[in-house]
PDB file of N, CA and C in Angstrom:
ATOM      1  N   MET A   1      48.954-176.462 -23.078  1.00  0.00           N
ATOM      2  CA  MET A   1      47.628-176.667 -23.725  1.00  0.00           C
ATOM      3  C   MET A   1      47.055-177.936 -23.140  1.00  0.00           C
ATOM      4  N   THR A   2      45.837-178.081 -23.377  1.00  0.00           N
ATOM      5  CA  THR A   2      45.033-179.247 -22.865  1.00  0.00           C
ATOM      6  C   THR A   2      44.557-180.103 -24.031  1.00  0.00           C
ATOM      7  N   ILE A   3      44.898-181.365 -23.968  1.00  0.00           N
ATOM      8  CA  ILE A   3      44.327-182.354 -24.954  1.00  0.00           C
ATOM      9  C   ILE A   3      43.694-183.429 -24.156  1.00  0.00           C
ATOM     10  N   HIS A   4      43.070-184.416 -24.812  1.00  0.00           N
ATOM     11  CA  HIS A   4      42.317-185.516 -24.201  1.00  0.00           C
ATOM     12  C   HIS A   4      43.070-186.787 -24.628  1.00  0.00           C
ATOM     13  N   VAL A   5      43.515-187.597 -23.739  1.00  0.00           N
ATOM     14  CA  VAL A   5      44.156-188.886 -24.039  1.00  0.00           C
ATOM     15  C   VAL A   5      43.322-189.943 -23.429  1.00  0.00           C
ATOM     16  N   ASN A   6      42.801-190.811 -24.267  1.00  0.00           N
ATOM     17  CA  ASN A   6      42.013-191.926 -23.852  1.00  0.00           C
ATOM     18  C   ASN A   6      40.868-191.498 -22.943  1.00  0.00           C
ATOM     19  N   GLY A   7      40.337-190.369 -23.231  1.00  0.00           N
ATOM     20  CA  GLY A   7      39.210-189.808 -22.524  1.00  0.00           C
ATOM     21  C   GLY A   7      39.478-188.945 -21.322  1.00  0.00           C
ATOM     22  N   GLU A   8      40.773-188.771 -20.993  1.00  0.00           N
ATOM     23  CA  GLU A   8      41.211-187.983 -19.792  1.00  0.00           C
ATOM     24  C   GLU A   8      41.960-186.719 -20.253  1.00  0.00           C
ATOM     25  N   SER A   9      41.638-185.602 -19.614  1.00  0.00           N
ATOM     26  CA  SER A   9      42.357-184.370 -19.848  1.00  0.00           C
ATOM     27  C   SER A   9      43.763-184.501 -19.444  1.00  0.00           C
ATOM     28  N   ARG A  10      44.655-183.862 -20.297  1.00  0.00           N
ATOM     29  CA  ARG A  10      46.109-183.946 -20.023  1.00  0.00           C
ATOM     30  C   ARG A  10      46.749-182.632 -20.535  1.00  0.00           C
ATOM     31  N   GLY A  11      47.595-182.052 -19.792  1.00  0.00           N
ATOM     32  CA  GLY A  11      48.305-180.830 -20.175  1.00  0.00           C
ATOM     33  C   GLY A  11      49.591-181.267 -20.873  1.00  0.00           C
ATOM     34  N   VAL A  12      49.898-180.635 -22.033  1.00  0.00           N
ATOM     35  CA  VAL A  12      51.148-180.936 -22.769  1.00  0.00           C
ATOM     36  C   VAL A  12      51.697-179.538 -23.223  1.00  0.00           C
ATOM     37  N   GLY A  13      52.999-179.553 -23.500  1.00  0.00           N
ATOM     38  CA  GLY A  13      53.657-178.317 -23.934  1.00  0.00           C
ATOM     39  C   GLY A  13      53.351-177.996 -25.359  1.00  0.00           C
ATOM     40  N   ASP A  14      53.407-176.678 -25.703  1.00  0.00           N
ATOM     41  CA  ASP A  14      53.212-176.302 -27.080  1.00  0.00           C
ATOM     42  C   ASP A  14      54.249-176.943 -27.963  1.00  0.00           C
ATOM     43  N   GLY A  15      53.910-177.343 -29.161  1.00  0.00           N
ATOM     44  CA  GLY A  15      54.826-177.928 -30.045  1.00  0.00           C
ATOM     45  C   GLY A  15      55.035-179.456 -29.861  1.00  0.00           C
ATOM     46  N   GLN A  16      54.293-179.992 -28.860  1.00  0.00           N
ATOM     47  CA  GLN A  16      54.393-181.466 -28.622  1.00  0.00           C
ATOM     48  C   GLN A  16      53.863-182.184 -29.869  1.00  0.00           C
ATOM     49  N   THR A  17      54.630-183.280 -30.139  1.00  0.00           N
ATOM     50  CA  THR A  17      54.133-184.207 -31.228  1.00  0.00           C
ATOM     51  C   THR A  17      53.479-185.471 -30.670  1.00  0.00           C
ATOM     52  N   VAL A  18      52.953-186.262 -31.525  1.00  0.00           N
ATOM     53  CA  VAL A  18      52.414-187.496 -31.064  1.00  0.00           C
ATOM     54  C   VAL A  18      53.547-188.465 -30.540  1.00  0.00           C
ATOM     55  N   ALA A  19      54.667-188.443 -31.156  1.00  0.00           N
ATOM     56  CA  ALA A  19      55.804-189.249 -30.776  1.00  0.00           C
ATOM     57  C   ALA A  19      56.299-188.719 -29.429  1.00  0.00           C
ATOM     58  N   GLY A  20      56.324-187.451 -29.197  1.00  0.00           N
ATOM     59  CA  GLY A  20      56.730-186.872 -27.917  1.00  0.00           C
ATOM     60  C   GLY A  20      55.813-187.262 -26.775  1.00  0.00           C
ATOM     61  N   LEU A  21      54.530-187.264 -27.120  1.00  0.00           N
ATOM     62  CA  LEU A  21      53.540-187.708 -26.104  1.00  0.00           C
ATOM     63  C   LEU A  21      53.700-189.130 -25.758  1.00  0.00           C
ATOM     64  N   LEU A  22      53.942-189.990 -26.693  1.00  0.00           N
ATOM     65  CA  LEU A  22      54.169-191.399 -26.394  1.00  0.00           C
ATOM     66  C   LEU A  22      55.437-191.567 -25.512  1.00  0.00           C
ATOM     67  N   ARG A  23      56.457-190.912 -25.878  1.00  0.00           N
ATOM     68  CA  ARG A  23      57.735-190.898 -25.033  1.00  0.00           C
ATOM     69  C   ARG A  23      57.447-190.523 -23.625  1.00  0.00           C
ATOM     70  N   GLU A  24      56.715-189.404 -23.529  1.00  0.00           N
ATOM     71  CA  GLU A  24      56.351-188.883 -22.178  1.00  0.00           C
ATOM     72  C   GLU A  24      55.558-189.934 -21.338  1.00  0.00           C
ATOM     73  N   LEU A  25      54.691-190.659 -22.065  1.00  0.00           N
ATOM     74  CA  LEU A  25      53.873-191.664 -21.374  1.00  0.00           C
ATOM     75  C   LEU A  25      54.650-193.065 -21.280  1.00  0.00           C
ATOM     76  N   ASP A  26      55.862-193.062 -21.793  1.00  0.00           N
ATOM     77  CA  ASP A  26      56.658-194.283 -21.715  1.00  0.00           C
ATOM     78  C   ASP A  26      56.014-195.424 -22.477  1.00  0.00           C
ATOM     79  N   ILE A  27      55.575-195.075 -23.665  1.00  0.00           N
ATOM     80  CA  ILE A  27      54.880-196.122 -24.579  1.00  0.00           C
ATOM     81  C   ILE A  27      55.673-196.355 -25.805  1.00  0.00           C
ATOM     82  N   ARG A  28      55.977-197.573 -26.061  1.00  0.00           N
ATOM     83  CA  ARG A  28      56.813-197.961 -27.258  1.00  0.00           C
ATOM     84  C   ARG A  28      55.892-197.780 -28.548  1.00  0.00           C
ATOM     85  N   THR A  29      56.404-197.045 -29.557  1.00  0.00           N
ATOM     86  CA  THR A  29      55.616-196.766 -30.734  1.00  0.00           C
ATOM     87  C   THR A  29      55.384-198.002 -31.565  1.00  0.00           C
ATOM     88  N   ASP A  30      56.186-199.038 -31.441  1.00  0.00           N
ATOM     89  CA  ASP A  30      55.969-200.212 -32.242  1.00  0.00           C
ATOM     90  C   ASP A  30      54.860-201.128 -31.725  1.00  0.00           C
ATOM     91  N   ARG A  31      54.293-200.833 -30.648  1.00  0.00           N
ATOM     92  CA  ARG A  31      53.258-201.705 -30.092  1.00  0.00           C
ATOM     93  C   ARG A  31      51.869-201.045 -29.819  1.00  0.00           C
ATOM     94  N   VAL A  32      51.758-199.871 -30.581  1.00  0.00           N
ATOM     95  CA  VAL A  32      50.430-199.141 -30.514  1.00  0.00           C
ATOM     96  C   VAL A  32      49.891-198.694 -31.726  1.00  0.00           C
ATOM     97  N   ALA A  33      48.671-198.387 -31.728  1.00  0.00           N
ATOM     98  CA  ALA A  33      47.989-197.623 -32.845  1.00  0.00           C
ATOM     99  C   ALA A  33      47.509-196.375 -32.147  1.00  0.00           C
ATOM    100  N   VAL A  34      47.592-195.328 -32.962  1.00  0.00           N
ATOM    101  CA  VAL A  34      47.162-194.014 -32.361  1.00  0.00           C
ATOM    102  C   VAL A  34      46.066-193.372 -33.398  1.00  0.00           C
ATOM    103  N   GLU A  35      44.967-192.969 -32.664  1.00  0.00           N
ATOM    104  CA  GLU A  35      43.932-192.317 -33.381  1.00  0.00           C
ATOM    105  C   GLU A  35      43.997-190.836 -32.903  1.00  0.00           C
ATOM    106  N   LEU A  36      43.927-189.896 -33.848  1.00  0.00           N
ATOM    107  CA  LEU A  36      43.971-188.501 -33.496  1.00  0.00           C
ATOM    108  C   LEU A  36      42.793-187.886 -34.068  1.00  0.00           C
ATOM    109  N   ASN A  37      41.870-187.370 -33.284  1.00  0.00           N
ATOM    110  CA  ASN A  37      40.617-186.803 -33.840  1.00  0.00           C
ATOM    111  C   ASN A  37      39.966-187.619 -34.838  1.00  0.00           C
ATOM    112  N   LEU A  38      39.765-188.904 -34.564  1.00  0.00           N
ATOM    113  CA  LEU A  38      39.087-189.929 -35.283  1.00  0.00           C
ATOM    114  C   LEU A  38      39.871-190.401 -36.570  1.00  0.00           C
ATOM    115  N   GLU A  39      41.125-189.977 -36.671  1.00  0.00           N
ATOM    116  CA  GLU A  39      41.983-190.418 -37.791  1.00  0.00           C
ATOM    117  C   GLU A  39      43.055-191.372 -37.283  1.00  0.00           C
ATOM    118  N   ILE A  40      43.130-192.611 -37.877  1.00  0.00           N
ATOM    119  CA  ILE A  40      44.207-193.481 -37.487  1.00  0.00           C
ATOM    120  C   ILE A  40      45.527-192.933 -38.095  1.00  0.00           C
ATOM    121  N   LEU A  41      46.527-192.732 -37.414  1.00  0.00           N
ATOM    122  CA  LEU A  41      47.822-192.253 -37.907  1.00  0.00           C
ATOM    123  C   LEU A  41      48.708-193.367 -38.280  1.00  0.00           C
ATOM    124  N   ASP A  42      49.438-193.127 -39.398  1.00  0.00           N
ATOM    125  CA  ASP A  42      50.493-194.084 -39.788  1.00  0.00           C
ATOM    126  C   ASP A  42      51.676-193.817 -38.775  1.00  0.00           C
ATOM    127  N   ARG A  43      52.307-194.950 -38.378  1.00  0.00           N
ATOM    128  CA  ARG A  43      53.428-194.833 -37.427  1.00  0.00           C
ATOM    129  C   ARG A  43      54.489-193.838 -37.832  1.00  0.00           C
ATOM    130  N   LYS A  44      54.774-193.729 -39.143  1.00  0.00           N
ATOM    131  CA  LYS A  44      55.816-192.903 -39.700  1.00  0.00           C
ATOM    132  C   LYS A  44      55.498-191.349 -39.443  1.00  0.00           C
ATOM    133  N   ASP A  45      54.235-191.131 -39.259  1.00  0.00           N
ATOM    134  CA  ASP A  45      53.840-189.692 -39.008  1.00  0.00           C
ATOM    135  C   ASP A  45      53.858-189.285 -37.542  1.00  0.00           C
ATOM    136  N   PHE A  46      54.160-190.173 -36.621  1.00  0.00           N
ATOM    137  CA  PHE A  46      54.115-189.775 -35.188  1.00  0.00           C
ATOM    138  C   PHE A  46      55.011-188.660 -34.867  1.00  0.00           C
ATOM    139  N   GLU A  47      56.263-188.628 -35.482  1.00  0.00           N
ATOM    140  CA  GLU A  47      57.224-187.583 -35.189  1.00  0.00           C
ATOM    141  C   GLU A  47      56.823-186.180 -35.849  1.00  0.00           C
ATOM    142  N   LEU A  48      56.077-186.309 -36.893  1.00  0.00           N
ATOM    143  CA  LEU A  48      55.635-185.187 -37.653  1.00  0.00           C
ATOM    144  C   LEU A  48      54.427-184.484 -37.206  1.00  0.00           C
ATOM    145  N   ARG A  49      53.492-185.248 -36.574  1.00  0.00           N
ATOM    146  CA  ARG A  49      52.112-184.808 -36.310  1.00  0.00           C
ATOM    147  C   ARG A  49      52.137-184.040 -34.984  1.00  0.00           C
ATOM    148  N   GLY A  50      52.030-182.704 -35.054  1.00  0.00           N
ATOM    149  CA  GLY A  50      51.920-181.881 -33.875  1.00  0.00           C
ATOM    150  C   GLY A  50      50.521-181.916 -33.206  1.00  0.00           C
ATOM    151  N   LEU A  51      50.477-181.786 -31.924  1.00  0.00           N
ATOM    152  CA  LEU A  51      49.246-181.691 -31.162  1.00  0.00           C
ATOM    153  C   LEU A  51      48.761-180.260 -31.063  1.00  0.00           C
ATOM    154  N   ARG A  52      47.403-180.073 -31.001  1.00  0.00           N
ATOM    155  CA  ARG A  52      46.812-178.813 -30.795  1.00  0.00           C
ATOM    156  C   ARG A  52      45.837-178.826 -29.657  1.00  0.00           C
ATOM    157  N   GLU A  53      45.531-177.627 -29.208  1.00  0.00           N
ATOM    158  CA  GLU A  53      44.603-177.497 -28.082  1.00  0.00           C
ATOM    159  C   GLU A  53      43.272-178.300 -28.432  1.00  0.00           C
ATOM    160  N   GLY A  54      42.828-179.093 -27.553  1.00  0.00           N
ATOM    161  CA  GLY A  54      41.582-179.815 -27.641  1.00  0.00           C
ATOM    162  C   GLY A  54      41.619-181.076 -28.412  1.00  0.00           C
ATOM    163  N   ASP A  55      42.829-181.465 -29.009  1.00  0.00           N
ATOM    164  CA  ASP A  55      42.914-182.718 -29.658  1.00  0.00           C
ATOM    165  C   ASP A  55      42.489-183.888 -28.823  1.00  0.00           C
ATOM    166  N   ARG A  56      41.921-184.844 -29.556  1.00  0.00           N
ATOM    167  CA  ARG A  56      41.542-186.092 -28.895  1.00  0.00           C
ATOM    168  C   ARG A  56      42.355-187.225 -29.386  1.00  0.00           C
ATOM    169  N   VAL A  57      43.106-187.784 -28.457  1.00  0.00           N
ATOM    170  CA  VAL A  57      44.090-188.862 -28.841  1.00  0.00           C
ATOM    171  C   VAL A  57      43.634-190.169 -28.170  1.00  0.00           C
ATOM    172  N   GLU A  58      43.503-191.186 -28.912  1.00  0.00           N
ATOM    173  CA  GLU A  58      43.205-192.589 -28.388  1.00  0.00           C
ATOM    174  C   GLU A  58      44.421-193.365 -28.737  1.00  0.00           C
ATOM    175  N   ILE A  59      44.953-194.089 -27.696  1.00  0.00           N
ATOM    176  CA  ILE A  59      46.142-194.991 -27.836  1.00  0.00           C
ATOM    177  C   ILE A  59      45.707-196.363 -27.538  1.00  0.00           C
ATOM    178  N   LEU A  60      45.926-197.173 -28.498  1.00  0.00           N
ATOM    179  CA  LEU A  60      45.542-198.610 -28.378  1.00  0.00           C
ATOM    180  C   LEU A  60      46.737-199.483 -28.375  1.00  0.00           C
ATOM    181  N   SER A  61      46.908-200.281 -27.342  1.00  0.00           N
ATOM    182  CA  SER A  61      48.112-201.168 -27.253  1.00  0.00           C
ATOM    183  C   SER A  61      47.724-202.548 -27.773  1.00  0.00           C
ATOM    184  N   PHE A  62      48.685-203.172 -28.450  1.00  0.00           N
ATOM    185  CA  PHE A  62      48.519-204.544 -28.925  1.00  0.00           C
ATOM    186  C   PHE A  62      48.956-205.516 -27.791  1.00  0.00           C
ATOM    187  N   ILE A  63      48.141-206.515 -27.589  1.00  0.00           N
ATOM    188  CA  ILE A  63      48.461-207.557 -26.639  1.00  0.00           C
ATOM    189  C   ILE A  63      48.562-208.879 -27.284  1.00  0.00           C
ATOM    190  N   GLY A  64      49.674-209.584 -27.110  1.00  0.00           N
ATOM    191  CA  GLY A  64      49.807-210.843 -27.744  1.00  0.00           C
ATOM    192  C   GLY A  64      49.090-211.915 -27.049  1.00  0.00           C
ATOM    193  N   GLY A  65      48.786-213.004 -27.693  1.00  0.00           N
ATOM    194  CA  GLY A  65      48.071-214.094 -27.083  1.00  0.00           C
ATOM    195  C   GLY A  65      48.070-215.187 -28.037  1.00  0.00           C
ATOM    196  N   GLY A  66      47.332-216.240 -27.708  1.00  0.00           N
ATOM    197  CA  GLY A  66      47.220-217.372 -28.641  1.00  0.00           C
ATOM    198  C   GLY A  66      46.273-218.388 -28.046  1.00  0.00           C
ATOM    199  N   ALA A  67      46.165-219.415 -28.831  1.00  0.00           N
ATOM    200  CA  ALA A  67      45.269-220.562 -28.420  1.00  0.00           C
ATOM    201  C   ALA A  67      45.936-221.376 -27.357  1.00  0.00           C
ATOM    202  N   LEU A  68      45.142-221.889 -26.433  1.00  0.00           N
ATOM    203  CA  LEU A  68      45.664-222.744 -25.355  1.00  0.00           C
ATOM    204  C   LEU A  68      45.519-224.169 -25.732  1.00  0.00           C
TER     205      LEU A  68
END
């Protein structure tokens, strides 16, 4: 099936979860926020939330920094 990840089309297998997608993309779940179809997901739901045809996923990474 086809979903959209950060604005780009991507094929994923049926039954794929948000957590599975993040693993496939080699993204650590503790350092990102995920929006699925305009809904911010709670990190504990990543394993439970299945993806469907046409879903729109936005993955936001946290970047550390500080004052100089």
